[in-house]
Amino acid sequence: MSSVGASRGGTWPGGASRSNSPRNRVALRGAEGRSFSVLGAMSVLALLVLFACSGAERQDSGSGTGDEMGGESSGHGKMAYQLTAADTTGLAKAIFAGGCFWCLETAFEGVPGVHAAISGFAGGSEPHPTYEQVSSGSTHHAESVLVTYDPTQIDYDQLLHIFWTNHDPLSANGQFCDRGRQYRPAIFYLDETQHAAAEASVEWARAHLQRKGEIVTEITGVTDFWPAEEYHQDFWKKDPGTYKSYRRGCGRDARLHDLWGDLATGH
């Protein structure tokens, strides 16, 4: 999640979703005795206990609106990542959706001028959405990434170019192997300046795409961003084996190269 200073990661707490999305099926293969291990040395018994203890949803206070863009709780006993002043003070913000937020997050990691890339949810009206709710399609949110950046080092147009070349703009109802509106591609603009830049960037994308088709990426305004649970942040660092297996199995990089050629880069 963080590309400046120490990682704001942590350890995976056993919160794998019970959703039937392709990503969650990949994350559970280790427990089924297939090709790779999930959660390091954690036993299958531990996984079953954790699933059984997920419990009913809690309704806690917290705000994800306006400039705060925070989320204090995400239910099921798992806390959402807490945005801090260090994440936003003196920084500009951008929100993008391009399928799996684990993968879109890494597209912005380490880019000069980018302070943080935070996995979460946007585009829906329901407050405090959980990963389980969004991945099941029971809310109107899309998996998204909040990018905080220094506009003196990188501008919004450059972020748009990174976003375009890291998703499939020809696929409306999902991305790669993840299907459903919760995985739809979108540019969520925060003001009219971003709106104008996003609309203009469609022509850039059309000129650089190597496959013909209608660009269906949504461009829509939002005010709310809800950070996902802590275990999703920097997932590629916390469980690189699962991350790489999911990304490869989903065909993300192969499709991106097909669409964008050398502009596409694997992460």
Protein backbone atom coordinates (compact mmCIF):
# COMPACT_ATOMS: atom_id res chain seq x y z
CA MET A 1 0.00 0.00 0.00
CA SER A 2 2.67 2.46 0.97
CA SER A 3 5.36 3.41 -1.49
CA VAL A 4 7.19 5.83 0.83
CA GLY A 5 8.92 4.68 4.01
CA ALA A 6 8.02 1.55 5.91
CA SER A 7 5.19 -0.67 4.78
CA ARG A 8 1.89 -0.22 6.56
CA GLY A 9 1.37 -3.93 6.18
CA GLY A 10 1.01 -6.48 8.94
CA THR A 11 0.14 -10.12 8.80
CA TRP A 12 -2.77 -11.86 7.17
CA PRO A 13 -5.13 -12.64 10.03
CA GLY A 14 -6.91 -15.52 8.37
CA GLY A 15 -9.67 -13.37 6.94
CA ALA A 16 -10.02 -15.08 3.58
CA SER A 17 -13.48 -14.45 2.20
CA ARG A 18 -15.98 -17.23 1.66
CA SER A 19 -17.07 -15.56 -1.59
CA ASN A 20 -16.93 -17.70 -4.73
CA SER A 21 -14.97 -15.11 -6.72
CA PRO A 22 -11.98 -16.52 -8.63
CA ARG A 23 -9.57 -14.67 -6.35
CA ASN A 24 -11.01 -16.24 -3.25
CA ARG A 25 -10.99 -19.69 -4.84
CA VAL A 26 -7.27 -19.20 -5.53
CA ALA A 27 -6.69 -18.08 -1.93
CA LEU A 28 -8.31 -21.26 -0.65
CA ARG A 29 -6.50 -23.78 -2.84
CA GLY A 30 -3.82 -24.40 -0.24
CA ALA A 31 -6.51 -25.54 2.21
CA GLU A 32 -7.78 -27.97 -0.44
CA GLY A 33 -4.35 -29.61 -0.77
CA ARG A 34 -3.56 -28.26 -4.22
CA SER A 35 -0.53 -26.54 -5.64
CA PHE A 36 0.54 -24.00 -3.05
CA SER A 37 0.23 -23.04 0.61
CA VAL A 38 -2.04 -20.30 1.94
CA LEU A 39 -1.27 -18.33 5.09
CA GLY A 40 2.22 -19.78 5.39
CA ALA A 41 2.30 -22.45 8.09
CA MET A 42 -1.30 -21.92 9.20
CA SER A 43 -3.17 -25.19 9.38
CA VAL A 44 -6.44 -26.10 7.73
CA LEU A 45 -7.93 -26.37 11.21
CA ALA A 46 -6.99 -22.77 11.94
CA LEU A 47 -8.68 -21.67 8.74
CA LEU A 48 -11.87 -23.49 9.64
CA VAL A 49 -11.90 -21.95 13.10
CA LEU A 50 -11.38 -18.49 11.68
CA PHE A 51 -14.22 -18.91 9.19
CA ALA A 52 -16.52 -20.19 11.92
CA CYS A 53 -15.68 -17.20 14.09
CA SER A 54 -16.32 -14.57 11.42
CA GLY A 55 -19.61 -13.79 13.23
CA ALA A 56 -22.37 -11.37 12.45
CA GLU A 57 -21.65 -7.93 11.08
CA ARG A 58 -21.05 -5.09 13.50
CA GLN A 59 -22.32 -1.58 12.90
CA ASP A 60 -19.65 0.86 14.12
CA SER A 61 -19.24 4.59 13.74
CA GLY A 62 -16.79 6.19 11.33
CA SER A 63 -16.81 8.36 8.27
CA GLY A 64 -15.89 7.69 4.70
CA THR A 65 -17.24 10.93 3.31
CA GLY A 66 -15.71 14.03 1.86
CA ASP A 67 -12.11 14.90 2.68
CA GLU A 68 -11.90 12.41 5.54
CA MET A 69 -12.29 9.36 3.31
CA GLY A 70 -11.88 7.06 6.26
CA GLY A 71 -13.50 3.94 7.50
CA GLU A 72 -13.25 2.76 11.06
CA SER A 73 -14.76 -0.67 10.96
CA SER A 74 -15.57 -3.21 8.33
CA GLY A 75 -17.50 -5.77 10.32
CA HIS A 76 -16.80 -9.46 10.81
CA GLY A 77 -14.30 -8.60 13.55
CA LYS A 78 -11.79 -7.21 11.04
CA MET A 79 -10.82 -3.56 11.16
CA ALA A 80 -10.54 -1.40 8.09
CA TYR A 81 -7.26 0.35 7.47
CA GLN A 82 -7.25 3.76 9.16
CA LEU A 83 -6.31 6.72 7.00
CA THR A 84 -3.96 9.04 8.86
CA ALA A 85 -2.92 12.65 8.39
CA ALA A 86 0.32 11.35 6.89
CA ASP A 87 -1.69 9.69 4.13
CA THR A 88 -3.39 12.87 2.98
CA THR A 89 -1.86 16.08 4.39
CA GLY A 90 -0.46 18.20 1.57
CA LEU A 91 -1.21 15.47 -0.94
CA ALA A 92 -3.64 15.16 -3.82
CA LYS A 93 -5.98 12.18 -4.15
CA ALA A 94 -7.18 10.02 -7.03
CA ILE A 95 -9.47 6.97 -7.04
CA PHE A 96 -9.45 4.21 -9.65
CA ALA A 97 -11.19 0.84 -10.03
CA GLY A 98 -9.69 -1.84 -12.23
CA GLY A 99 -10.77 -5.21 -10.94
CA CYS A 100 -8.82 -6.84 -8.11
CA PHE A 101 -7.51 -4.10 -5.85
CA TRP A 102 -4.54 -6.26 -4.85
CA CYS A 103 -3.29 -5.93 -8.43
CA LEU A 104 -4.25 -2.33 -9.13
CA GLU A 105 -2.54 -1.25 -5.92
CA THR A 106 0.79 -2.60 -7.15
CA ALA A 107 0.54 -0.60 -10.38
CA PHE A 108 1.10 2.58 -8.36
CA GLU A 109 3.54 1.23 -5.77
CA GLY A 110 6.99 2.73 -6.05
CA VAL A 111 6.02 5.34 -8.66
CA PRO A 112 7.95 8.55 -7.92
CA GLY A 113 5.61 11.11 -6.39
CA VAL A 114 3.07 8.52 -5.22
CA HIS A 115 2.85 8.46 -1.43
CA ALA A 116 0.41 5.59 -0.94
CA ALA A 117 -1.94 3.26 -2.77
CA ILE A 118 -4.73 2.09 -0.47
CA SER A 119 -7.15 -0.72 -1.31
CA GLY A 120 -10.82 -0.06 -0.62
CA PHE A 121 -14.26 0.51 -2.06
CA ALA A 122 -15.97 3.34 -3.96
CA GLY A 123 -18.95 3.95 -6.18
CA GLY A 124 -21.68 2.75 -3.84
CA SER A 125 -23.99 4.44 -1.38
CA GLU A 126 -23.78 1.90 1.44
CA PRO A 127 -21.62 3.04 4.40
CA HIS A 128 -18.84 0.90 5.89
CA PRO A 129 -18.92 -1.88 3.30
CA THR A 130 -16.99 -5.04 4.10
CA TYR A 131 -14.93 -7.08 1.69
CA GLU A 132 -17.36 -9.96 2.04
CA GLN A 133 -20.29 -7.70 1.13
CA VAL A 134 -18.60 -6.07 -1.86
CA SER A 135 -17.06 -9.26 -3.27
CA SER A 136 -20.43 -10.99 -3.10
CA GLY A 137 -22.02 -8.22 -5.18
CA SER A 138 -24.49 -7.25 -2.46
CA THR A 139 -23.47 -3.56 -2.52
CA HIS A 140 -23.03 -1.08 -5.37
CA HIS A 141 -19.34 -0.51 -4.64
CA ALA A 142 -16.39 -1.47 -6.79
CA GLU A 143 -13.04 -2.65 -5.52
CA SER A 144 -10.95 0.49 -5.84
CA VAL A 145 -7.62 2.07 -4.97
CA LEU A 146 -7.09 5.48 -3.41
CA VAL A 147 -3.83 7.00 -4.63
CA THR A 148 -2.35 9.87 -2.62
CA TYR A 149 0.38 11.74 -4.42
CA ASP A 150 2.53 14.85 -4.52
CA PRO A 151 1.30 16.91 -7.51
CA THR A 152 4.68 18.67 -7.71
CA GLN A 153 6.27 15.33 -8.61
CA ILE A 154 3.57 13.56 -10.61
CA ASP A 155 0.37 14.90 -12.11
CA TYR A 156 -3.09 13.43 -12.51
CA ASP A 157 -2.62 12.85 -16.25
CA GLN A 158 0.35 10.59 -15.53
CA LEU A 159 -1.71 8.62 -13.01
CA LEU A 160 -4.43 8.22 -15.62
CA HIS A 161 -1.93 6.74 -18.07
CA ILE A 162 -0.80 4.24 -15.41
CA PHE A 163 -4.39 3.33 -14.73
CA TRP A 164 -5.36 2.84 -18.37
CA THR A 165 -2.47 0.47 -19.07
CA ASN A 166 -3.23 -1.60 -15.97
CA HIS A 167 -6.84 -2.56 -16.70
CA ASP A 168 -9.01 -3.80 -19.56
CA PRO A 169 -11.17 -0.89 -20.77
CA LEU A 170 -13.08 -3.15 -23.15
CA SER A 171 -14.60 -5.22 -20.34
CA ALA A 172 -17.50 -3.57 -18.51
CA ASN A 173 -18.90 -6.20 -16.18
CA GLY A 174 -15.71 -7.26 -14.44
CA GLN A 175 -12.00 -7.56 -15.13
CA PHE A 176 -10.05 -10.61 -16.25
CA CYS A 177 -11.29 -13.65 -14.29
CA ASP A 178 -13.25 -11.60 -11.74
CA ARG A 179 -16.76 -10.96 -13.02
CA GLY A 180 -19.51 -8.75 -11.68
CA ARG A 181 -20.17 -5.06 -11.18
CA GLN A 182 -18.02 -5.06 -8.07
CA TYR A 183 -15.03 -5.51 -10.40
CA ARG A 184 -16.06 -2.93 -12.99
CA PRO A 185 -13.43 -0.48 -14.28
CA ALA A 186 -13.92 3.15 -13.34
CA ILE A 187 -12.26 6.50 -12.91
CA PHE A 188 -13.85 8.08 -9.85
CA TYR A 189 -13.18 11.79 -10.14
CA LEU A 190 -13.15 14.08 -7.10
CA ASP A 191 -13.65 17.45 -8.79
CA GLU A 192 -14.35 18.96 -12.19
CA THR A 193 -10.66 19.34 -13.01
CA GLN A 194 -10.22 15.60 -12.62
CA HIS A 195 -13.45 15.04 -14.54
CA ALA A 196 -12.18 16.99 -17.54
CA ALA A 197 -8.80 15.23 -17.44
CA ALA A 198 -10.45 11.81 -17.22
CA GLU A 199 -12.70 12.48 -20.22
CA ALA A 200 -9.74 13.76 -22.25
CA SER A 201 -7.68 10.70 -21.36
CA VAL A 202 -10.10 8.42 -23.21
CA GLU A 203 -8.64 9.62 -26.49
CA TRP A 204 -5.13 8.82 -25.25
CA ALA A 205 -6.30 5.33 -24.35
CA ARG A 206 -8.03 4.83 -27.68
CA ALA A 207 -4.88 5.89 -29.55
CA HIS A 208 -2.66 3.44 -27.64
CA LEU A 209 -4.91 0.38 -27.44
CA GLN A 210 -3.78 -2.46 -29.68
CA ARG A 211 -7.20 -4.07 -29.80
CA LYS A 212 -10.32 -2.53 -31.28
CA GLY A 213 -13.47 -2.20 -29.25
CA GLU A 214 -15.69 0.14 -27.32
CA ILE A 215 -14.07 1.69 -24.26
CA VAL A 216 -16.49 1.02 -21.42
CA THR A 217 -14.53 2.27 -18.40
CA GLU A 218 -16.88 4.40 -16.30
CA ILE A 219 -16.07 8.02 -15.49
CA THR A 220 -18.13 9.12 -12.55
CA GLY A 221 -17.90 11.40 -9.54
CA VAL A 222 -17.64 10.14 -5.97
CA THR A 223 -17.26 11.62 -2.50
CA ASP A 224 -16.76 8.45 -0.47
CA PHE A 225 -13.90 6.02 -0.30
CA TRP A 226 -13.93 3.25 2.28
CA PRO A 227 -10.57 1.58 3.03
CA ALA A 228 -10.65 -2.19 2.94
CA GLU A 229 -9.66 -4.38 5.86
CA GLU A 230 -6.05 -4.13 6.96
CA TYR A 231 -5.15 -7.61 5.71
CA HIS A 232 -5.83 -6.52 2.12
CA GLN A 233 -3.33 -3.66 2.25
CA ASP A 234 0.02 -4.53 0.67
CA PHE A 235 -1.28 -8.04 0.11
CA TRP A 236 1.44 -8.66 -2.48
CA LYS A 237 4.00 -8.28 0.33
CA LYS A 238 2.08 -10.23 2.97
CA ASP A 239 1.41 -13.31 0.84
CA PRO A 240 3.41 -13.07 -2.39
CA GLY A 241 2.81 -16.70 -3.29
CA THR A 242 -0.96 -16.38 -3.27
CA TYR A 243 -0.78 -13.00 -4.97
CA LYS A 244 1.41 -14.22 -7.82
CA SER A 245 -0.59 -17.42 -8.29
CA TYR A 246 -3.86 -15.48 -8.42
CA ARG A 247 -2.49 -12.90 -10.84
CA ARG A 248 -1.02 -15.52 -13.15
CA GLY A 249 -4.06 -17.78 -12.97
CA CYS A 250 -6.38 -14.88 -13.70
CA GLY A 251 -4.50 -14.11 -16.92
CA ARG A 252 -4.15 -10.45 -16.02
CA ASP A 253 -0.67 -9.79 -17.40
CA ALA A 254 -1.24 -11.76 -20.59
CA ARG A 255 -4.39 -9.77 -21.34
CA LEU A 256 -2.73 -6.45 -20.47
CA HIS A 257 0.13 -7.18 -22.85
CA ASP A 258 -2.38 -8.11 -25.54
CA LEU A 259 -4.16 -4.79 -25.06
CA TRP A 260 -1.26 -2.42 -24.46
CA GLY A 261 1.89 -4.08 -25.77
CA ASP A 262 5.06 -2.69 -24.24
CA LEU A 263 3.10 -0.09 -22.26
CA ALA A 264 1.87 -2.91 -20.03
CA THR A 265 4.14 -3.99 -17.23
CA GLY A 266 3.72 -6.95 -14.89
CA HIS A 267 3.69 -6.33 -11.16
